[in-house]
Amino acid sequence: CTLDSEVALRVGGDFFFDPQPGDSPVKLVLVAGGVGINPLFSILLHVADLQGCQESKGNGDKIEAAKLYYSAKNTSELLFKKNILGLMNAFPGKITCHFHVTQQSSQICEELQPHVTGK
């Protein structure tokens, strides 16, 4: 997509990501709110597994990039945040996350600050 592109979003239904050997590399965008992160976190772990296998075998990448946009009331309600930060560190430039908090009243920890926006 480019700026001002129209995109279609689907809410609900089955969530899976299963690229096939002949598929072109993709840019994956995942959008989650609250506990809706659960199926998308599983997809992110699958992306990391695929990326790790591809790097070790020297195969061409199936994932150009995976970006997660994840919103919650505050940072304490961001489930799997430490795991997500670990994936970002393990696959820099391949896996990124932008956290958004809507009702944060306390200071955001230093580790999360570069990745969090909100009120």
PDB file of N, CA and C in Angstrom:
ATOM      1  N   CYS A   1       0.831  -1.192   0.000  1.00  0.00           N
ATOM      2  CA  CYS A   1       0.000   0.000   0.000  1.00  0.00           C
ATOM      3  C   CYS A   1       0.869   1.246   0.000  1.00  0.00           C
ATOM      4  N   THR A   2       0.329   2.271  -0.511  1.00  0.00           N
ATOM      5  CA  THR A   2       0.978   3.574  -0.461  1.00  0.00           C
ATOM      6  C   THR A   2       0.042   4.528   0.274  1.00  0.00           C
ATOM      7  N   LEU A   3       0.536   5.686   0.600  1.00  0.00           N
ATOM      8  CA  LEU A   3      -0.256   6.692   1.284  1.00  0.00           C
ATOM      9  C   LEU A   3      -1.527   6.957   0.492  1.00  0.00           C
ATOM     10  N   ASP A   4      -2.632   7.000   1.185  1.00  0.00           N
ATOM     11  CA  ASP A   4      -3.961   7.223   0.613  1.00  0.00           C
ATOM     12  C   ASP A   4      -4.526   6.025  -0.138  1.00  0.00           C
ATOM     13  N   SER A   5      -3.894   4.860  -0.038  1.00  0.00           N
ATOM     14  CA  SER A   5      -4.458   3.652  -0.644  1.00  0.00           C
ATOM     15  C   SER A   5      -5.671   3.217   0.155  1.00  0.00           C
ATOM     16  N   GLU A   6      -6.623   2.620  -0.522  1.00  0.00           N
ATOM     17  CA  GLU A   6      -7.778   2.057   0.154  1.00  0.00           C
ATOM     18  C   GLU A   6      -7.482   0.608   0.480  1.00  0.00           C
ATOM     19  N   VAL A   7      -7.781   0.226   1.713  1.00  0.00           N
ATOM     20  CA  VAL A   7      -7.558  -1.152   2.133  1.00  0.00           C
ATOM     21  C   VAL A   7      -8.852  -1.725   2.694  1.00  0.00           C
ATOM     22  N   ALA A   8      -8.967  -3.023   2.641  1.00  0.00           N
ATOM     23  CA  ALA A   8     -10.123  -3.709   3.214  1.00  0.00           C
ATOM     24  C   ALA A   8      -9.691  -4.398   4.497  1.00  0.00           C
ATOM     25  N   LEU A   9     -10.506  -4.308   5.523  1.00  0.00           N
ATOM     26  CA  LEU A   9     -10.239  -4.959   6.794  1.00  0.00           C
ATOM     27  C   LEU A   9     -11.345  -5.942   7.083  1.00  0.00           C
ATOM     28  N   ARG A  10     -10.981  -7.022   7.728  1.00  0.00           N
ATOM     29  CA  ARG A  10     -11.952  -8.027   8.115  1.00  0.00           C
ATOM     30  C   ARG A  10     -11.890  -8.185   9.622  1.00  0.00           C
ATOM     31  N   VAL A  11     -13.035  -8.196  10.253  1.00  0.00           N
ATOM     32  CA  VAL A  11     -13.109  -8.374  11.692  1.00  0.00           C
ATOM     33  C   VAL A  11     -13.787  -9.713  11.955  1.00  0.00           C
ATOM     34  N   GLY A  12     -13.187 -10.506  12.823  1.00  0.00           N
ATOM     35  CA  GLY A  12     -13.755 -11.802  13.156  1.00  0.00           C
ATOM     36  C   GLY A  12     -13.337 -12.857  12.150  1.00  0.00           C
ATOM     37  N   GLY A  13     -13.832 -14.046  12.344  1.00  0.00           N
ATOM     38  CA  GLY A  13     -13.522 -15.137  11.419  1.00  0.00           C
ATOM     39  C   GLY A  13     -12.278 -15.900  11.820  1.00  0.00           C
ATOM     40  N   ASP A  14     -11.750 -16.668  10.875  1.00  0.00           N
ATOM     41  CA  ASP A  14     -10.554 -17.468  11.104  1.00  0.00           C
ATOM     42  C   ASP A  14      -9.310 -16.618  10.915  1.00  0.00           C
ATOM     43  N   PHE A  15      -8.327 -16.804  11.769  1.00  0.00           N
ATOM     44  CA  PHE A  15      -7.070 -16.079  11.670  1.00  0.00           C
ATOM     45  C   PHE A  15      -5.950 -17.079  11.451  1.00  0.00           C
ATOM     46  N   PHE A  16      -5.318 -17.011  10.303  1.00  0.00           N
ATOM     47  CA  PHE A  16      -4.168 -17.861  10.057  1.00  0.00           C
ATOM     48  C   PHE A  16      -3.306 -17.233   8.979  1.00  0.00           C
ATOM     49  N   PHE A  17      -2.053 -17.645   8.961  1.00  0.00           N
ATOM     50  CA  PHE A  17      -1.107 -17.199   7.945  1.00  0.00           C
ATOM     51  C   PHE A  17      -0.283 -18.417   7.578  1.00  0.00           C
ATOM     52  N   ASP A  18      -0.465 -18.901   6.376  1.00  0.00           N
ATOM     53  CA  ASP A  18       0.202 -20.120   5.948  1.00  0.00           C
ATOM     54  C   ASP A  18       0.733 -19.950   4.525  1.00  0.00           C
ATOM     55  N   PRO A  19       1.858 -19.232   4.375  1.00  0.00           N
ATOM     56  CA  PRO A  19       2.396 -19.042   3.023  1.00  0.00           C
ATOM     57  C   PRO A  19       2.870 -20.371   2.427  1.00  0.00           C
ATOM     58  N   GLN A  20       2.650 -20.532   1.149  1.00  0.00           N
ATOM     59  CA  GLN A  20       3.030 -21.749   0.442  1.00  0.00           C
ATOM     60  C   GLN A  20       4.359 -21.543  -0.286  1.00  0.00           C
ATOM     61  N   PRO A  21       5.068 -22.604  -0.633  1.00  0.00           N
ATOM     62  CA  PRO A  21       6.392 -22.479  -1.251  1.00  0.00           C
ATOM     63  C   PRO A  21       6.440 -21.588  -2.498  1.00  0.00           C
ATOM     64  N   GLY A  22       5.419 -21.570  -3.307  1.00  0.00           N
ATOM     65  CA  GLY A  22       5.443 -20.765  -4.528  1.00  0.00           C
ATOM     66  C   GLY A  22       4.963 -19.338  -4.353  1.00  0.00           C
ATOM     67  N   ASP A  23       4.525 -18.979  -3.146  1.00  0.00           N
ATOM     68  CA  ASP A  23       3.996 -17.640  -2.899  1.00  0.00           C
ATOM     69  C   ASP A  23       5.098 -16.586  -2.956  1.00  0.00           C
ATOM     70  N   SER A  24       4.717 -15.401  -3.400  1.00  0.00           N
ATOM     71  CA  SER A  24       5.636 -14.267  -3.400  1.00  0.00           C
ATOM     72  C   SER A  24       5.820 -13.764  -1.976  1.00  0.00           C
ATOM     73  N   PRO A  25       6.954 -13.115  -1.699  1.00  0.00           N
ATOM     74  CA  PRO A  25       7.158 -12.520  -0.371  1.00  0.00           C
ATOM     75  C   PRO A  25       6.070 -11.487  -0.081  1.00  0.00           C
ATOM     76  N   VAL A  26       5.669 -11.392   1.183  1.00  0.00           N
ATOM     77  CA  VAL A  26       4.585 -10.493   1.563  1.00  0.00           C
ATOM     78  C   VAL A  26       5.029  -9.508   2.638  1.00  0.00           C
ATOM     79  N   LYS A  27       4.298  -8.399   2.693  1.00  0.00           N
ATOM     80  CA  LYS A  27       4.391  -7.454   3.799  1.00  0.00           C
ATOM     81  C   LYS A  27       3.117  -7.661   4.600  1.00  0.00           C
ATOM     82  N   LEU A  28       3.266  -8.112   5.821  1.00  0.00           N
ATOM     83  CA  LEU A  28       2.145  -8.477   6.656  1.00  0.00           C
ATOM     84  C   LEU A  28       1.861  -7.367   7.662  1.00  0.00           C
ATOM     85  N   VAL A  29       0.599  -6.936   7.759  1.00  0.00           N
ATOM     86  CA  VAL A  29       0.180  -5.936   8.737  1.00  0.00           C
ATOM     87  C   VAL A  29      -0.857  -6.580   9.642  1.00  0.00           C
ATOM     88  N   LEU A  30      -0.592  -6.549  10.940  1.00  0.00           N
ATOM     89  CA  LEU A  30      -1.486  -7.119  11.936  1.00  0.00           C
ATOM     90  C   LEU A  30      -1.982  -5.999  12.848  1.00  0.00           C
ATOM     91  N   VAL A  31      -3.295  -5.912  13.067  1.00  0.00           N
ATOM     92  CA  VAL A  31      -3.890  -4.861  13.896  1.00  0.00           C
ATOM     93  C   VAL A  31      -4.673  -5.532  15.014  1.00  0.00           C
ATOM     94  N   ALA A  32      -4.331  -5.187  16.263  1.00  0.00           N
ATOM     95  CA  ALA A  32      -4.971  -5.838  17.407  1.00  0.00           C
ATOM     96  C   ALA A  32      -5.335  -4.813  18.472  1.00  0.00           C
ATOM     97  N   GLY A  33      -6.375  -5.128  19.218  1.00  0.00           N
ATOM     98  CA  GLY A  33      -6.781  -4.331  20.364  1.00  0.00           C
ATOM     99  C   GLY A  33      -7.078  -5.242  21.532  1.00  0.00           C
ATOM    100  N   GLY A  34      -6.539  -4.918  22.689  1.00  0.00           N
ATOM    101  CA  GLY A  34      -6.805  -5.686  23.904  1.00  0.00           C
ATOM    102  C   GLY A  34      -6.446  -7.155  23.770  1.00  0.00           C
ATOM    103  N   VAL A  35      -7.364  -8.026  24.215  1.00  0.00           N
ATOM    104  CA  VAL A  35      -7.101  -9.456  24.169  1.00  0.00           C
ATOM    105  C   VAL A  35      -7.196 -10.014  22.755  1.00  0.00           C
ATOM    106  N   GLY A  36      -7.585  -9.182  21.793  1.00  0.00           N
ATOM    107  CA  GLY A  36      -7.600  -9.600  20.390  1.00  0.00           C
ATOM    108  C   GLY A  36      -6.211  -9.901  19.856  1.00  0.00           C
ATOM    109  N   ILE A  37      -5.202  -9.672  20.676  1.00  0.00           N
ATOM    110  CA  ILE A  37      -3.828  -9.963  20.284  1.00  0.00           C
ATOM    111  C   ILE A  37      -3.570 -11.466  20.197  1.00  0.00           C
ATOM    112  N   ASN A  38      -4.338 -12.277  20.896  1.00  0.00           N
ATOM    113  CA  ASN A  38      -4.036 -13.712  20.997  1.00  0.00           C
ATOM    114  C   ASN A  38      -3.813 -14.397  19.653  1.00  0.00           C
ATOM    115  N   PRO A  39      -4.756 -14.378  18.710  1.00  0.00           N
ATOM    116  CA  PRO A  39      -4.484 -15.066  17.447  1.00  0.00           C
ATOM    117  C   PRO A  39      -3.387 -14.390  16.631  1.00  0.00           C
ATOM    118  N   LEU A  40      -3.275 -13.073  16.754  1.00  0.00           N
ATOM    119  CA  LEU A  40      -2.259 -12.365  15.984  1.00  0.00           C
ATOM    120  C   LEU A  40      -0.864 -12.600  16.551  1.00  0.00           C
ATOM    121  N   PHE A  41      -0.761 -12.798  17.857  1.00  0.00           N
ATOM    122  CA  PHE A  41       0.533 -13.139  18.443  1.00  0.00           C
ATOM    123  C   PHE A  41       0.986 -14.505  17.937  1.00  0.00           C
ATOM    124  N   SER A  42       0.052 -15.433  17.802  1.00  0.00           N
ATOM    125  CA  SER A  42       0.391 -16.749  17.238  1.00  0.00           C
ATOM    126  C   SER A  42       0.906 -16.609  15.811  1.00  0.00           C
ATOM    127  N   ILE A  43       0.278 -15.740  15.027  1.00  0.00           N
ATOM    128  CA  ILE A  43       0.739 -15.497  13.659  1.00  0.00           C
ATOM    129  C   ILE A  43       2.138 -14.891  13.688  1.00  0.00           C
ATOM    130  N   LEU A  44       2.379 -13.960  14.608  1.00  0.00           N
ATOM    131  CA  LEU A  44       3.698 -13.335  14.718  1.00  0.00           C
ATOM    132  C   LEU A  44       4.767 -14.372  15.080  1.00  0.00           C
ATOM    133  N   LEU A  45       4.435 -15.305  15.966  1.00  0.00           N
ATOM    134  CA  LEU A  45       5.370 -16.376  16.305  1.00  0.00           C
ATOM    135  C   LEU A  45       5.646 -17.268  15.098  1.00  0.00           C
ATOM    136  N   HIS A  46       4.623 -17.518  14.305  1.00  0.00           N
ATOM    137  CA  HIS A  46       4.790 -18.313  13.085  1.00  0.00           C
ATOM    138  C   HIS A  46       5.710 -17.590  12.093  1.00  0.00           C
ATOM    139  N   VAL A  47       5.518 -16.286  11.964  1.00  0.00           N
ATOM    140  CA  VAL A  47       6.388 -15.481  11.103  1.00  0.00           C
ATOM    141  C   VAL A  47       7.837 -15.597  11.572  1.00  0.00           C
ATOM    142  N   ALA A  48       8.053 -15.512  12.880  1.00  0.00           N
ATOM    143  CA  ALA A  48       9.411 -15.626  13.426  1.00  0.00           C
ATOM    144  C   ALA A  48       9.999 -17.004  13.130  1.00  0.00           C
ATOM    145  N   ASP A  49       9.192 -18.059  13.280  1.00  0.00           N
ATOM    146  CA  ASP A  49       9.666 -19.409  12.954  1.00  0.00           C
ATOM    147  C   ASP A  49      10.040 -19.518  11.483  1.00  0.00           C
ATOM    148  N   LEU A  50       9.181 -19.005  10.614  1.00  0.00           N
ATOM    149  CA  LEU A  50       9.473 -19.031   9.175  1.00  0.00           C
ATOM    150  C   LEU A  50      10.743 -18.259   8.864  1.00  0.00           C
ATOM    151  N   GLN A  51      10.878 -17.098   9.486  1.00  0.00           N
ATOM    152  CA  GLN A  51      12.053 -16.256   9.246  1.00  0.00           C
ATOM    153  C   GLN A  51      13.315 -16.963   9.716  1.00  0.00           C
ATOM    154  N   GLY A  52      13.262 -17.600  10.881  1.00  0.00           N
ATOM    155  CA  GLY A  52      14.418 -18.326  11.402  1.00  0.00           C
ATOM    156  C   GLY A  52      14.807 -19.479  10.498  1.00  0.00           C
ATOM    157  N   CYS A  53      13.820 -20.222   9.993  1.00  0.00           N
ATOM    158  CA  CYS A  53      14.096 -21.340   9.074  1.00  0.00           C
ATOM    159  C   CYS A  53      14.702 -20.838   7.772  1.00  0.00           C
ATOM    160  N   GLN A  54      14.176 -19.740   7.265  1.00  0.00           N
ATOM    161  CA  GLN A  54      14.671 -19.200   5.999  1.00  0.00           C
ATOM    162  C   GLN A  54      16.103 -18.711   6.133  1.00  0.00           C
ATOM    163  N   GLU A  55      16.417 -18.077   7.265  1.00  0.00           N
ATOM    164  CA  GLU A  55      17.778 -17.589   7.467  1.00  0.00           C
ATOM    165  C   GLU A  55      18.762 -18.745   7.576  1.00  0.00           C
ATOM    166  N   SER A  56      18.367 -19.813   8.275  1.00  0.00           N
ATOM    167  CA  SER A  56      19.290 -20.932   8.463  1.00  0.00           C
ATOM    168  C   SER A  56      19.492 -21.739   7.176  1.00  0.00           C
ATOM    169  N   LYS A  57      18.476 -21.790   6.317  1.00  0.00           N
ATOM    170  CA  LYS A  57      18.578 -22.545   5.066  1.00  0.00           C
ATOM    171  C   LYS A  57      19.081 -21.694   3.902  1.00  0.00           C
ATOM    172  N   GLY A  58      19.133 -20.376   4.098  1.00  0.00           N
ATOM    173  CA  GLY A  58      19.582 -19.495   3.027  1.00  0.00           C
ATOM    174  C   GLY A  58      18.567 -19.343   1.916  1.00  0.00           C
ATOM    175  N   ASN A  59      17.314 -19.697   2.179  1.00  0.00           N
ATOM    176  CA  ASN A  59      16.267 -19.546   1.172  1.00  0.00           C
ATOM    177  C   ASN A  59      15.843 -18.092   1.050  1.00  0.00           C
ATOM    178  N   GLY A  60      15.178 -17.758  -0.034  1.00  0.00           N
ATOM    179  CA  GLY A  60      14.634 -16.418  -0.204  1.00  0.00           C
ATOM    180  C   GLY A  60      13.554 -16.160   0.828  1.00  0.00           C
ATOM    181  N   ASP A  61      13.422 -14.935   1.234  1.00  0.00           N
ATOM    182  CA  ASP A  61      12.454 -14.568   2.259  1.00  0.00           C
ATOM    183  C   ASP A  61      11.023 -14.694   1.751  1.00  0.00           C
ATOM    184  N   LYS A  62      10.148 -15.243   2.556  1.00  0.00           N
ATOM    185  CA  LYS A  62       8.716 -15.265   2.280  1.00  0.00           C
ATOM    186  C   LYS A  62       8.041 -14.059   2.922  1.00  0.00           C
ATOM    187  N   ILE A  63       8.713 -13.480   3.918  1.00  0.00           N
ATOM    188  CA  ILE A  63       8.171 -12.328   4.620  1.00  0.00           C
ATOM    189  C   ILE A  63       9.113 -11.156   4.396  1.00  0.00           C
ATOM    190  N   GLU A  64       8.632 -10.133   3.701  1.00  0.00           N
ATOM    191  CA  GLU A  64       9.444  -8.918   3.584  1.00  0.00           C
ATOM    192  C   GLU A  64       9.476  -8.197   4.922  1.00  0.00           C
ATOM    193  N   ALA A  65       8.305  -8.097   5.544  1.00  0.00           N
ATOM    194  CA  ALA A  65       8.204  -7.448   6.844  1.00  0.00           C
ATOM    195  C   ALA A  65       6.870  -7.809   7.479  1.00  0.00           C
ATOM    196  N   ALA A  66       6.857  -7.832   8.799  1.00  0.00           N
ATOM    197  CA  ALA A  66       5.614  -8.025   9.555  1.00  0.00           C
ATOM    198  C   ALA A  66       5.519  -6.875  10.545  1.00  0.00           C
ATOM    199  N   LYS A  67       4.426  -6.114  10.464  1.00  0.00           N
ATOM    200  CA  LYS A  67       4.214  -4.982  11.364  1.00  0.00           C
ATOM    201  C   LYS A  67       2.964  -5.229  12.179  1.00  0.00           C
ATOM    202  N   LEU A  68       3.114  -5.096  13.483  1.00  0.00           N
ATOM    203  CA  LEU A  68       1.996  -5.259  14.403  1.00  0.00           C
ATOM    204  C   LEU A  68       1.634  -3.897  14.975  1.00  0.00           C
ATOM    205  N   TYR A  69       0.362  -3.543  14.912  1.00  0.00           N
ATOM    206  CA  TYR A  69      -0.178  -2.347  15.547  1.00  0.00           C
ATOM    207  C   TYR A  69      -1.118  -2.844  16.636  1.00  0.00           C
ATOM    208  N   TYR A  70      -0.787  -2.517  17.880  1.00  0.00           N
ATOM    209  CA  TYR A  70      -1.472  -3.118  19.025  1.00  0.00           C
ATOM    210  C   TYR A  70      -1.863  -2.038  20.020  1.00  0.00           C
ATOM    211  N   SER A  71      -3.156  -1.960  20.342  1.00  0.00           N
ATOM    212  CA  SER A  71      -3.671  -0.939  21.238  1.00  0.00           C
ATOM    213  C   SER A  71      -4.284  -1.560  22.487  1.00  0.00           C
ATOM    214  N   ALA A  72      -4.093  -0.865  23.613  1.00  0.00           N
ATOM    215  CA  ALA A  72      -4.706  -1.262  24.878  1.00  0.00           C
ATOM    216  C   ALA A  72      -4.890  -0.004  25.721  1.00  0.00           C
ATOM    217  N   LYS A  73      -5.588  -0.145  26.848  1.00  0.00           N
ATOM    218  CA  LYS A  73      -5.814   1.014  27.715  1.00  0.00           C
ATOM    219  C   LYS A  73      -4.509   1.571  28.265  1.00  0.00           C
ATOM    220  N   ASN A  74      -3.617   0.675  28.696  1.00  0.00           N
ATOM    221  CA  ASN A  74      -2.329   1.107  29.245  1.00  0.00           C
ATOM    222  C   ASN A  74      -1.310   0.000  29.014  1.00  0.00           C
ATOM    223  N   THR A  75      -0.075   0.278  29.309  1.00  0.00           N
ATOM    224  CA  THR A  75       0.990  -0.686  29.006  1.00  0.00           C
ATOM    225  C   THR A  75       0.877  -1.969  29.830  1.00  0.00           C
ATOM    226  N   SER A  76       0.256  -1.902  31.002  1.00  0.00           N
ATOM    227  CA  SER A  76       0.099  -3.136  31.791  1.00  0.00           C
ATOM    228  C   SER A  76      -0.887  -4.087  31.124  1.00  0.00           C
ATOM    229  N   GLU A  77      -1.736  -3.594  30.235  1.00  0.00           N
ATOM    230  CA  GLU A  77      -2.699  -4.440  29.532  1.00  0.00           C
ATOM    231  C   GLU A  77      -2.204  -4.893  28.156  1.00  0.00           C
ATOM    232  N   LEU A  78      -0.974  -4.540  27.813  1.00  0.00           N
ATOM    233  CA  LEU A  78      -0.381  -5.015  26.557  1.00  0.00           C
ATOM    234  C   LEU A  78       0.156  -6.427  26.793  1.00  0.00           C
ATOM    235  N   LEU A  79      -0.629  -7.412  26.410  1.00  0.00           N
ATOM    236  CA  LEU A  79      -0.230  -8.803  26.605  1.00  0.00           C
ATOM    237  C   LEU A  79       0.955  -9.148  25.705  1.00  0.00           C
ATOM    238  N   PHE A  80       1.810 -10.014  26.161  1.00  0.00           N
ATOM    239  CA  PHE A  80       2.959 -10.526  25.401  1.00  0.00           C
ATOM    240  C   PHE A  80       3.981  -9.443  25.024  1.00  0.00           C
ATOM    241  N   LYS A  81       3.941  -8.280  25.675  1.00  0.00           N
ATOM    242  CA  LYS A  81       4.823  -7.177  25.258  1.00  0.00           C
ATOM    243  C   LYS A  81       6.299  -7.550  25.316  1.00  0.00           C
ATOM    244  N   LYS A  82       6.721  -8.274  26.348  1.00  0.00           N
ATOM    245  CA  LYS A  82       8.139  -8.661  26.430  1.00  0.00           C
ATOM    246  C   LYS A  82       8.504  -9.638  25.312  1.00  0.00           C
ATOM    247  N   ASN A  83       7.596 -10.568  24.998  1.00  0.00           N
ATOM    248  CA  ASN A  83       7.835 -11.504  23.898  1.00  0.00           C
ATOM    249  C   ASN A  83       7.908 -10.771  22.558  1.00  0.00           C
ATOM    250  N   ILE A  84       7.025  -9.813  22.379  1.00  0.00           N
ATOM    251  CA  ILE A  84       7.003  -9.045  21.127  1.00  0.00           C
ATOM    252  C   ILE A  84       8.286  -8.241  20.981  1.00  0.00           C
ATOM    253  N   LEU A  85       8.731  -7.607  22.067  1.00  0.00           N
ATOM    254  CA  LEU A  85      10.002  -6.875  22.023  1.00  0.00           C
ATOM    255  C   LEU A  85      11.155  -7.822  21.700  1.00  0.00           C
ATOM    256  N   GLY A  86      11.113  -9.031  22.240  1.00  0.00           N
ATOM    257  CA  GLY A  86      12.146 -10.030  21.946  1.00  0.00           C
ATOM    258  C   GLY A  86      12.171 -10.408  20.474  1.00  0.00           C
ATOM    259  N   LEU A  87      10.989 -10.552  19.867  1.00  0.00           N
ATOM    260  CA  LEU A  87      10.915 -10.866  18.436  1.00  0.00           C
ATOM    261  C   LEU A  87      11.459  -9.716  17.595  1.00  0.00           C
ATOM    262  N   MET A  88      11.147  -8.487  18.014  1.00  0.00           N
ATOM    263  CA  MET A  88      11.660  -7.322  17.283  1.00  0.00           C
ATOM    264  C   MET A  88      13.182  -7.275  17.352  1.00  0.00           C
ATOM    265  N   ASN A  89      13.745  -7.612  18.504  1.00  0.00           N
ATOM    266  CA  ASN A  89      15.202  -7.623  18.655  1.00  0.00           C
ATOM    267  C   ASN A  89      15.844  -8.767  17.881  1.00  0.00           C
ATOM    268  N   ALA A  90      15.159  -9.907  17.831  1.00  0.00           N
ATOM    269  CA  ALA A  90      15.701 -11.074  17.131  1.00  0.00           C
ATOM    270  C   ALA A  90      15.657 -10.905  15.611  1.00  0.00           C
ATOM    271  N   PHE A  91      14.661 -10.154  15.115  1.00  0.00           N
ATOM    272  CA  PHE A  91      14.482  -9.971  13.675  1.00  0.00           C
ATOM    273  C   PHE A  91      14.325  -8.494  13.348  1.00  0.00           C
ATOM    274  N   PRO A  92      15.389  -7.710  13.573  1.00  0.00           N
ATOM    275  CA  PRO A  92      15.291  -6.266  13.333  1.00  0.00           C
ATOM    276  C   PRO A  92      14.981  -5.958  11.869  1.00  0.00           C
ATOM    277  N   GLY A  93      14.022  -5.058  11.685  1.00  0.00           N
ATOM    278  CA  GLY A  93      13.624  -4.680  10.337  1.00  0.00           C
ATOM    279  C   GLY A  93      12.641  -5.633   9.699  1.00  0.00           C
ATOM    280  N   LYS A  94      12.539  -6.835  10.227  1.00  0.00           N
ATOM    281  CA  LYS A  94      11.592  -7.830   9.701  1.00  0.00           C
ATOM    282  C   LYS A  94      10.313  -7.855  10.522  1.00  0.00           C
ATOM    283  N   ILE A  95      10.443  -7.732  11.842  1.00  0.00           N
ATOM    284  CA  ILE A  95       9.282  -7.702  12.730  1.00  0.00           C
ATOM    285  C   ILE A  95       9.335  -6.404  13.520  1.00  0.00           C
ATOM    286  N   THR A  96       8.262  -5.608  13.397  1.00  0.00           N
ATOM    287  CA  THR A  96       8.168  -4.359  14.152  1.00  0.00           C
ATOM    288  C   THR A  96       6.802  -4.278  14.813  1.00  0.00           C
ATOM    289  N   CYS A  97       6.728  -3.482  15.870  1.00  0.00           N
ATOM    290  CA  CYS A  97       5.470  -3.295  16.574  1.00  0.00           C
ATOM    291  C   CYS A  97       5.347  -1.847  17.011  1.00  0.00           C
ATOM    292  N   HIS A  98       4.144  -1.340  16.877  1.00  0.00           N
ATOM    293  CA  HIS A  98       3.789  -0.012  17.365  1.00  0.00           C
ATOM    294  C   HIS A  98       2.659  -0.208  18.371  1.00  0.00           C
ATOM    295  N   PHE A  99       2.968   0.054  19.638  1.00  0.00           N
ATOM    296  CA  PHE A  99       1.968  -0.050  20.694  1.00  0.00           C
ATOM    297  C   PHE A  99       1.258   1.297  20.826  1.00  0.00           C
ATOM    298  N   HIS A 100      -0.034   1.273  21.105  1.00  0.00           N
ATOM    299  CA  HIS A 100      -0.791   2.500  21.340  1.00  0.00           C
ATOM    300  C   HIS A 100      -1.578   2.319  22.625  1.00  0.00           C
ATOM    301  N   VAL A 101      -1.458   3.285  23.529  1.00  0.00           N
ATOM    302  CA  VAL A 101      -2.222   3.226  24.773  1.00  0.00           C
ATOM    303  C   VAL A 101      -3.182   4.414  24.816  1.00  0.00           C
ATOM    304  N   THR A 102      -4.380   4.155  25.326  1.00  0.00           N
ATOM    305  CA  THR A 102      -5.423   5.179  25.311  1.00  0.00           C
ATOM    306  C   THR A 102      -5.682   5.824  26.662  1.00  0.00           C
ATOM    307  N   GLN A 103      -5.292   5.174  27.764  1.00  0.00           N
ATOM    308  CA  GLN A 103      -5.582   5.712  29.091  1.00  0.00           C
ATOM    309  C   GLN A 103      -4.403   5.558  30.042  1.00  0.00           C
ATOM    310  N   GLN A 104      -3.196   5.758  29.545  1.00  0.00           N
ATOM    311  CA  GLN A 104      -2.000   5.603  30.379  1.00  0.00           C
ATOM    312  C   GLN A 104      -1.902   6.766  31.358  1.00  0.00           C
ATOM    313  N   SER A 105      -1.799   6.478  32.659  1.00  0.00           N
ATOM    314  CA  SER A 105      -1.663   7.543  33.656  1.00  0.00           C
ATOM    315  C   SER A 105      -0.279   7.539  34.302  1.00  0.00           C
ATOM    316  N   SER A 106       0.425   6.430  34.222  1.00  0.00           N
ATOM    317  CA  SER A 106       1.753   6.346  34.827  1.00  0.00           C
ATOM    318  C   SER A 106       2.835   6.468  33.749  1.00  0.00           C
ATOM    319  N   GLN A 107       4.060   6.607  34.203  1.00  0.00           N
ATOM    320  CA  GLN A 107       5.208   6.698  33.309  1.00  0.00           C
ATOM    321  C   GLN A 107       5.371   5.395  32.526  1.00  0.00           C
ATOM    322  N   ILE A 108       5.694   5.504  31.249  1.00  0.00           N
ATOM    323  CA  ILE A 108       5.937   4.324  30.412  1.00  0.00           C
ATOM    324  C   ILE A 108       7.375   3.885  30.621  1.00  0.00           C
ATOM    325  N   CYS A 109       7.592   2.583  30.847  1.00  0.00           N
ATOM    326  CA  CYS A 109       8.942   2.091  31.110  1.00  0.00           C
ATOM    327  C   CYS A 109       9.854   2.396  29.913  1.00  0.00           C
ATOM    328  N   GLU A 110      11.123   2.553  30.212  1.00  0.00           N
ATOM    329  CA  GLU A 110      12.112   2.955  29.208  1.00  0.00           C
ATOM    330  C   GLU A 110      12.179   1.990  28.025  1.00  0.00           C
ATOM    331  N   GLU A 111      12.045   0.707  28.310  1.00  0.00           N
ATOM    332  CA  GLU A 111      12.133  -0.309  27.257  1.00  0.00           C
ATOM    333  C   GLU A 111      11.016  -0.153  26.217  1.00  0.00           C
ATOM    334  N   LEU A 112       9.837   0.254  26.669  1.00  0.00           N
ATOM    335  CA  LEU A 112       8.692   0.389  25.770  1.00  0.00           C
ATOM    336  C   LEU A 112       8.576   1.773  25.124  1.00  0.00           C
ATOM    337  N   GLN A 113       9.164   2.797  25.735  1.00  0.00           N
ATOM    338  CA  GLN A 113       8.983   4.172  25.275  1.00  0.00           C
ATOM    339  C   GLN A 113       9.149   4.374  23.760  1.00  0.00           C
ATOM    340  N   PRO A 114      10.180   3.817  23.141  1.00  0.00           N
ATOM    341  CA  PRO A 114      10.333   4.087  21.699  1.00  0.00           C
ATOM    342  C   PRO A 114       9.218   3.487  20.833  1.00  0.00           C
ATOM    343  N   HIS A 115       8.451   2.580  21.387  1.00  0.00           N
ATOM    344  CA  HIS A 115       7.460   1.849  20.609  1.00  0.00           C
ATOM    345  C   HIS A 115       6.021   2.217  20.952  1.00  0.00           C
ATOM    346  N   VAL A 116       5.821   3.144  21.921  1.00  0.00           N
ATOM    347  CA  VAL A 116       4.482   3.450  22.407  1.00  0.00           C
ATOM    348  C   VAL A 116       4.064   4.870  22.032  1.00  0.00           C
ATOM    349  N   THR A 117       2.838   4.988  21.561  1.00  0.00           N
ATOM    350  CA  THR A 117       2.213   6.296  21.374  1.00  0.00           C
ATOM    351  C   THR A 117       0.912   6.276  22.145  1.00  0.00           C
ATOM    352  N   GLY A 118       0.368   7.444  22.415  1.00  0.00           N
ATOM    353  CA  GLY A 118      -0.917   7.501  23.093  1.00  0.00           C
ATOM    354  C   GLY A 118      -1.090   8.795  23.833  1.00  0.00           C
ATOM    355  N   LYS A 119      -2.130   8.805  24.632  1.00  0.00           N
ATOM    356  CA  LYS A 119      -2.490  10.006  25.387  1.00  0.00           C
ATOM    357  C   LYS A 119      -1.676  10.117  26.637  1.00  0.00           C
TER     358      LYS A 119
END
